[in-house]
Amino acid sequence: MTRVSGVDPTDPWQLSGAEQEGRRQVVEYTRFLVEQVPGYERAFLIASAPRIGVRESRRLIGEYVLGKEDVLSARQFEDSIARCGAPIEDHAAGQRTIWQYVGSGDQRPTGRTYGVPYRCLLPRGVDGLLVAGRCLSATHDAHASVRSIGQCMAMGQAAGTAAALVVSAGCRPRDANIVQLREQLAADGALIGPD
């Protein structure tokens, strides 16, 4: 329910202020629920999160940068290592949230998904490193779709599997055998999409 916008989460002073504002909002929402919503009259706040949840901060530039058009067109990639069907959920300034669904770009779910390319886990110009989760290579818009926990877990599985395969093969992560990686992920039950 809370929202704190326009903060640089890499600045400790701004982050501290955002945490204070978030807690102020929690107290206000609690007051509102108790005073205005039937059934909440005896509710009380037990605790709030120890830190504010940051939706987006630093991301690397990878061998591929997942973009808005990839999401909206439900693009498939030969090196997909995960699937995503989450809409672009962009928390714009103020109280506005912009929703754009995969495969349509409007506010109606389509049930379609797009692939998350392995290349988004490979930092450009850095050897021997794979990343997974919210730091993947993506634009702001694409990140607003792919940053959810399910996709982050799938990227982690793919990065771990790729790391094991490249160590066995004695090669760099960027030289991984994508066919072998996808086959292993599928054998392990990962949803990687159409062949």
C-alpha atoms as a PDB file:
ATOM      1  CA  MET A   1       0.000   0.000   0.000  1.00  0.00           C
ATOM      2  CA  THR A   2       2.879   2.341   0.619  1.00  0.00           C
ATOM      3  CA  ARG A   3       4.768   4.142  -2.117  1.00  0.00           C
ATOM      4  CA  VAL A   4       7.829   6.359  -1.939  1.00  0.00           C
ATOM      5  CA  SER A   5       8.954   7.699  -5.320  1.00  0.00           C
ATOM      6  CA  GLY A   6      11.743   9.875  -6.672  1.00  0.00           C
ATOM      7  CA  VAL A   7      14.470   8.543  -4.383  1.00  0.00           C
ATOM      8  CA  ASP A   8      18.002   7.522  -5.327  1.00  0.00           C
ATOM      9  CA  PRO A   9      18.400   4.216  -3.423  1.00  0.00           C
ATOM     10  CA  THR A  10      22.184   4.406  -3.824  1.00  0.00           C
ATOM     11  CA  ASP A  11      22.285   7.564  -1.664  1.00  0.00           C
ATOM     12  CA  PRO A  12      22.168   6.539   2.030  1.00  0.00           C
ATOM     13  CA  TRP A  13      20.606   9.846   3.112  1.00  0.00           C
ATOM     14  CA  GLN A  14      17.806   9.586   0.569  1.00  0.00           C
ATOM     15  CA  LEU A  15      17.297   5.910   1.414  1.00  0.00           C
ATOM     16  CA  SER A  16      17.045   6.755   5.124  1.00  0.00           C
ATOM     17  CA  GLY A  17      14.477   9.449   4.343  1.00  0.00           C
ATOM     18  CA  ALA A  18      12.518   7.000   2.193  1.00  0.00           C
ATOM     19  CA  GLU A  19      12.439   4.486   5.048  1.00  0.00           C
ATOM     20  CA  GLN A  20      11.109   7.170   7.380  1.00  0.00           C
ATOM     21  CA  GLU A  21       8.438   8.176   4.849  1.00  0.00           C
ATOM     22  CA  GLY A  22       7.466   4.536   4.314  1.00  0.00           C
ATOM     23  CA  ARG A  23       6.997   4.024   8.047  1.00  0.00           C
ATOM     24  CA  ARG A  24       4.961   7.234   8.271  1.00  0.00           C
ATOM     25  CA  GLN A  25       2.704   5.874   5.528  1.00  0.00           C
ATOM     26  CA  VAL A  26       2.337   2.523   7.333  1.00  0.00           C
ATOM     27  CA  VAL A  27       1.157   4.310  10.483  1.00  0.00           C
ATOM     28  CA  GLU A  28      -1.283   6.425   8.456  1.00  0.00           C
ATOM     29  CA  TYR A  29      -2.721   3.403   6.623  1.00  0.00           C
ATOM     30  CA  THR A  30      -3.166   1.614   9.943  1.00  0.00           C
ATOM     31  CA  ARG A  31      -5.002   4.633  11.371  1.00  0.00           C
ATOM     32  CA  PHE A  32      -7.215   4.847   8.291  1.00  0.00           C
ATOM     33  CA  LEU A  33      -8.126   1.154   8.372  1.00  0.00           C
ATOM     34  CA  VAL A  34      -8.989   1.225  12.090  1.00  0.00           C
ATOM     35  CA  GLU A  35     -11.070   4.400  11.820  1.00  0.00           C
ATOM     36  CA  GLN A  36     -12.726   3.969   8.426  1.00  0.00           C
ATOM     37  CA  VAL A  37     -12.978   0.291   7.380  1.00  0.00           C
ATOM     38  CA  PRO A  38     -15.542  -1.968   9.071  1.00  0.00           C
ATOM     39  CA  GLY A  39     -13.921  -5.013  10.609  1.00  0.00           C
ATOM     40  CA  TYR A  40     -10.611  -3.299  11.329  1.00  0.00           C
ATOM     41  CA  GLU A  41     -11.754  -1.504  14.488  1.00  0.00           C
ATOM     42  CA  ARG A  42      -9.549  -3.640  16.745  1.00  0.00           C
ATOM     43  CA  ALA A  43      -6.638  -4.026  14.331  1.00  0.00           C
ATOM     44  CA  PHE A  44      -3.169  -2.859  15.302  1.00  0.00           C
ATOM     45  CA  LEU A  45       0.264  -2.722  13.746  1.00  0.00           C
ATOM     46  CA  ILE A  46       2.624  -5.403  15.013  1.00  0.00           C
ATOM     47  CA  ALA A  47       5.634  -4.588  12.854  1.00  0.00           C
ATOM     48  CA  SER A  48       6.795  -3.206   9.533  1.00  0.00           C
ATOM     49  CA  ALA A  49       9.655  -4.269   7.308  1.00  0.00           C
ATOM     50  CA  PRO A  50      13.128  -3.491   8.657  1.00  0.00           C
ATOM     51  CA  ARG A  51      14.074  -1.873   5.329  1.00  0.00           C
ATOM     52  CA  ILE A  52      12.179  -0.256   2.515  1.00  0.00           C
ATOM     53  CA  GLY A  53      11.722  -2.415  -0.573  1.00  0.00           C
ATOM     54  CA  VAL A  54      13.664  -0.958  -3.483  1.00  0.00           C
ATOM     55  CA  ARG A  55      12.137  -1.907  -6.831  1.00  0.00           C
ATOM     56  CA  GLU A  56      15.013  -0.756  -9.000  1.00  0.00           C
ATOM     57  CA  SER A  57      18.541   0.527  -8.630  1.00  0.00           C
ATOM     58  CA  ARG A  58      21.711  -0.562 -10.408  1.00  0.00           C
ATOM     59  CA  ARG A  59      21.626  -2.870 -13.405  1.00  0.00           C
ATOM     60  CA  LEU A  60      24.438  -3.976 -15.624  1.00  0.00           C
ATOM     61  CA  ILE A  61      24.674  -3.714 -19.375  1.00  0.00           C
ATOM     62  CA  GLY A  62      24.816  -7.214 -20.724  1.00  0.00           C
ATOM     63  CA  GLU A  63      25.445  -8.902 -24.018  1.00  0.00           C
ATOM     64  CA  TYR A  64      21.734  -8.257 -24.627  1.00  0.00           C
ATOM     65  CA  VAL A  65      19.541  -5.576 -23.071  1.00  0.00           C
ATOM     66  CA  LEU A  66      15.968  -6.807 -22.688  1.00  0.00           C
ATOM     67  CA  GLY A  67      13.655  -4.021 -23.835  1.00  0.00           C
ATOM     68  CA  LYS A  68      10.055  -2.883 -23.711  1.00  0.00           C
ATOM     69  CA  GLU A  69       9.351  -4.097 -27.261  1.00  0.00           C
ATOM     70  CA  ASP A  70      10.626  -7.568 -26.342  1.00  0.00           C
ATOM     71  CA  VAL A  71       8.051  -7.679 -23.544  1.00  0.00           C
ATOM     72  CA  LEU A  72       5.131  -6.183 -25.443  1.00  0.00           C
ATOM     73  CA  SER A  73       5.705  -8.343 -28.524  1.00  0.00           C
ATOM     74  CA  ALA A  74       6.070 -11.541 -26.439  1.00  0.00           C
ATOM     75  CA  ARG A  75       9.425 -12.096 -28.114  1.00  0.00           C
ATOM     76  CA  GLN A  76      11.006 -15.521 -28.145  1.00  0.00           C
ATOM     77  CA  PHE A  77      14.784 -15.989 -28.070  1.00  0.00           C
ATOM     78  CA  GLU A  78      16.925 -18.945 -29.111  1.00  0.00           C
ATOM     79  CA  ASP A  79      18.847 -18.581 -25.853  1.00  0.00           C
ATOM     80  CA  SER A  80      15.830 -18.198 -23.527  1.00  0.00           C
ATOM     81  CA  ILE A  81      16.539 -19.578 -20.078  1.00  0.00           C
ATOM     82  CA  ALA A  82      13.298 -18.453 -18.395  1.00  0.00           C
ATOM     83  CA  ARG A  83       9.748 -17.331 -19.192  1.00  0.00           C
ATOM     84  CA  CYS A  84       7.919 -14.234 -18.073  1.00  0.00           C
ATOM     85  CA  GLY A  85       4.274 -13.331 -18.451  1.00  0.00           C
ATOM     86  CA  ALA A  86       4.169 -10.506 -15.930  1.00  0.00           C
ATOM     87  CA  PRO A  87       2.951  -7.151 -17.211  1.00  0.00           C
ATOM     88  CA  ILE A  88       5.058  -4.038 -17.218  1.00  0.00           C
ATOM     89  CA  GLU A  89       4.075  -2.575 -13.840  1.00  0.00           C
ATOM     90  CA  ASP A  90       5.591   0.876 -13.842  1.00  0.00           C
ATOM     91  CA  HIS A  91       5.027   2.862 -10.679  1.00  0.00           C
ATOM     92  CA  ALA A  92       5.044   6.322 -12.169  1.00  0.00           C
ATOM     93  CA  ALA A  93       5.366   9.518 -10.192  1.00  0.00           C
ATOM     94  CA  GLY A  94       2.655  10.163  -7.631  1.00  0.00           C
ATOM     95  CA  GLN A  95       0.065   7.442  -7.140  1.00  0.00           C
ATOM     96  CA  ARG A  96      -0.152   6.325 -10.760  1.00  0.00           C
ATOM     97  CA  THR A  97       0.727   2.791 -11.893  1.00  0.00           C
ATOM     98  CA  ILE A  98       1.001   2.038 -15.600  1.00  0.00           C
ATOM     99  CA  TRP A  99       0.125  -1.531 -16.641  1.00  0.00           C
ATOM    100  CA  GLN A 100       1.041  -2.924 -20.045  1.00  0.00           C
ATOM    101  CA  TYR A 101       0.486  -6.614 -20.695  1.00  0.00           C
ATOM    102  CA  VAL A 102       2.756  -9.009 -22.573  1.00  0.00           C
ATOM    103  CA  GLY A 103       1.688  -9.422 -26.154  1.00  0.00           C
ATOM    104  CA  SER A 104      -0.714  -6.491 -26.269  1.00  0.00           C
ATOM    105  CA  GLY A 105       0.699  -3.415 -24.574  1.00  0.00           C
ATOM    106  CA  ASP A 106      -2.686  -2.486 -23.170  1.00  0.00           C
ATOM    107  CA  GLN A 107      -4.388  -3.160 -19.858  1.00  0.00           C
ATOM    108  CA  ARG A 108      -5.860  -6.575 -20.721  1.00  0.00           C
ATOM    109  CA  PRO A 109      -4.025  -9.804 -19.863  1.00  0.00           C
ATOM    110  CA  THR A 110      -3.266 -11.989 -22.883  1.00  0.00           C
ATOM    111  CA  GLY A 111      -1.816 -15.094 -21.253  1.00  0.00           C
ATOM    112  CA  ARG A 112       1.279 -14.744 -23.438  1.00  0.00           C
ATOM    113  CA  THR A 113       4.873 -14.908 -22.260  1.00  0.00           C
ATOM    114  CA  TYR A 114       8.288 -13.853 -23.497  1.00  0.00           C
ATOM    115  CA  GLY A 115      11.691 -15.416 -23.103  1.00  0.00           C
ATOM    116  CA  VAL A 116      14.472 -14.125 -20.900  1.00  0.00           C
ATOM    117  CA  PRO A 117      17.706 -14.472 -22.898  1.00  0.00           C
ATOM    118  CA  TYR A 118      20.808 -16.004 -21.366  1.00  0.00           C
ATOM    119  CA  ARG A 119      22.736 -13.041 -22.795  1.00  0.00           C
ATOM    120  CA  CYS A 120      20.979 -10.767 -20.248  1.00  0.00           C
ATOM    121  CA  LEU A 121      22.921 -12.604 -17.529  1.00  0.00           C
ATOM    122  CA  LEU A 122      26.293 -11.972 -19.191  1.00  0.00           C
ATOM    123  CA  PRO A 123      27.898  -8.622 -18.321  1.00  0.00           C
ATOM    124  CA  ARG A 124      29.304  -6.943 -21.414  1.00  0.00           C
ATOM    125  CA  GLY A 125      33.089  -6.905 -21.370  1.00  0.00           C
ATOM    126  CA  VAL A 126      33.483  -9.027 -18.218  1.00  0.00           C
ATOM    127  CA  ASP A 127      34.523 -12.674 -18.346  1.00  0.00           C
ATOM    128  CA  GLY A 128      33.863 -15.321 -15.733  1.00  0.00           C
ATOM    129  CA  LEU A 129      30.721 -13.705 -14.314  1.00  0.00           C
ATOM    130  CA  LEU A 130      27.005 -14.437 -14.513  1.00  0.00           C
ATOM    131  CA  VAL A 131      24.314 -12.368 -12.820  1.00  0.00           C
ATOM    132  CA  ALA A 132      20.765 -13.301 -11.948  1.00  0.00           C
ATOM    133  CA  GLY A 133      17.759 -11.496 -10.574  1.00  0.00           C
ATOM    134  CA  ARG A 134      17.013  -7.795 -10.544  1.00  0.00           C
ATOM    135  CA  CYS A 135      20.477  -6.820 -11.780  1.00  0.00           C
ATOM    136  CA  LEU A 136      19.965  -8.468 -15.183  1.00  0.00           C
ATOM    137  CA  SER A 137      20.478  -6.422 -18.304  1.00  0.00           C
ATOM    138  CA  ALA A 138      17.144  -4.737 -19.069  1.00  0.00           C
ATOM    139  CA  THR A 139      15.684  -1.317 -19.722  1.00  0.00           C
ATOM    140  CA  HIS A 140      13.554   0.384 -17.080  1.00  0.00           C
ATOM    141  CA  ASP A 141      10.342  -0.740 -18.826  1.00  0.00           C
ATOM    142  CA  ALA A 142      11.369  -4.369 -19.294  1.00  0.00           C
ATOM    143  CA  HIS A 143      12.712  -4.449 -15.755  1.00  0.00           C
ATOM    144  CA  ALA A 144       9.241  -3.429 -14.542  1.00  0.00           C
ATOM    145  CA  SER A 145       8.039  -6.797 -15.876  1.00  0.00           C
ATOM    146  CA  VAL A 146      10.906  -9.225 -15.311  1.00  0.00           C
ATOM    147  CA  ARG A 147      11.974  -8.259 -11.767  1.00  0.00           C
ATOM    148  CA  SER A 148       9.472 -10.446  -9.888  1.00  0.00           C
ATOM    149  CA  ILE A 149      10.621 -13.264  -7.645  1.00  0.00           C
ATOM    150  CA  GLY A 150       9.544 -16.135  -9.922  1.00  0.00           C
ATOM    151  CA  GLN A 151      11.627 -14.883 -12.816  1.00  0.00           C
ATOM    152  CA  CYS A 152      14.531 -14.052 -10.500  1.00  0.00           C
ATOM    153  CA  MET A 153      14.473 -17.619  -9.174  1.00  0.00           C
ATOM    154  CA  ALA A 154      14.418 -18.978 -12.741  1.00  0.00           C
ATOM    155  CA  MET A 155      17.393 -16.791 -13.670  1.00  0.00           C
ATOM    156  CA  GLY A 156      19.239 -18.054 -10.594  1.00  0.00           C
ATOM    157  CA  GLN A 157      18.589 -21.649 -11.598  1.00  0.00           C
ATOM    158  CA  ALA A 158      19.814 -20.902 -15.120  1.00  0.00           C
ATOM    159  CA  ALA A 159      22.954 -19.107 -13.893  1.00  0.00           C
ATOM    160  CA  GLY A 160      23.798 -21.948 -11.511  1.00  0.00           C
ATOM    161  CA  THR A 161      23.220 -24.574 -14.179  1.00  0.00           C
ATOM    162  CA  ALA A 162      25.287 -22.606 -16.696  1.00  0.00           C
ATOM    163  CA  ALA A 163      28.109 -22.203 -14.165  1.00  0.00           C
ATOM    164  CA  ALA A 164      28.223 -25.962 -13.591  1.00  0.00           C
ATOM    165  CA  LEU A 165      28.218 -26.653 -17.329  1.00  0.00           C
ATOM    166  CA  VAL A 166      30.978 -24.176 -18.177  1.00  0.00           C
ATOM    167  CA  VAL A 167      33.184 -25.431 -15.357  1.00  0.00           C
ATOM    168  CA  SER A 168      32.749 -28.989 -16.665  1.00  0.00           C
ATOM    169  CA  ALA A 169      33.505 -27.825 -20.214  1.00  0.00           C
ATOM    170  CA  GLY A 170      36.419 -25.624 -19.146  1.00  0.00           C
ATOM    171  CA  CYS A 171      35.061 -22.570 -20.947  1.00  0.00           C
ATOM    172  CA  ARG A 172      33.832 -19.055 -20.160  1.00  0.00           C
ATOM    173  CA  PRO A 173      30.151 -18.378 -19.362  1.00  0.00           C
ATOM    174  CA  ARG A 174      29.786 -16.460 -22.656  1.00  0.00           C
ATOM    175  CA  ASP A 175      30.929 -19.601 -24.501  1.00  0.00           C
ATOM    176  CA  ALA A 176      28.380 -21.881 -22.851  1.00  0.00           C
ATOM    177  CA  ASN A 177      26.659 -24.436 -25.033  1.00  0.00           C
ATOM    178  CA  ILE A 178      23.152 -22.921 -25.116  1.00  0.00           C
ATOM    179  CA  VAL A 179      21.515 -26.070 -26.492  1.00  0.00           C
ATOM    180  CA  GLN A 180      23.002 -28.128 -23.661  1.00  0.00           C
ATOM    181  CA  LEU A 181      22.027 -25.478 -21.108  1.00  0.00           C
ATOM    182  CA  ARG A 182      18.426 -25.368 -22.322  1.00  0.00           C
ATOM    183  CA  GLU A 183      18.218 -29.166 -22.401  1.00  0.00           C
ATOM    184  CA  GLN A 184      19.497 -29.407 -18.829  1.00  0.00           C
ATOM    185  CA  LEU A 185      17.099 -26.705 -17.632  1.00  0.00           C
ATOM    186  CA  ALA A 186      14.175 -28.494 -19.311  1.00  0.00           C
ATOM    187  CA  ALA A 187      15.253 -31.819 -17.802  1.00  0.00           C
ATOM    188  CA  ASP A 188      15.284 -30.121 -14.399  1.00  0.00           C
ATOM    189  CA  GLY A 189      11.719 -28.875 -14.914  1.00  0.00           C
ATOM    190  CA  ALA A 190      12.436 -25.254 -15.808  1.00  0.00           C
ATOM    191  CA  LEU A 191       9.904 -23.491 -18.004  1.00  0.00           C
ATOM    192  CA  ILE A 192      11.999 -22.119 -20.828  1.00  0.00           C
ATOM    193  CA  GLY A 193       9.440 -21.995 -23.582  1.00  0.00           C
ATOM    194  CA  PRO A 194       8.989 -23.171 -27.117  1.00  0.00           C
ATOM    195  CA  ASP A 195      11.871 -24.875 -28.891  1.00  0.00           C
END
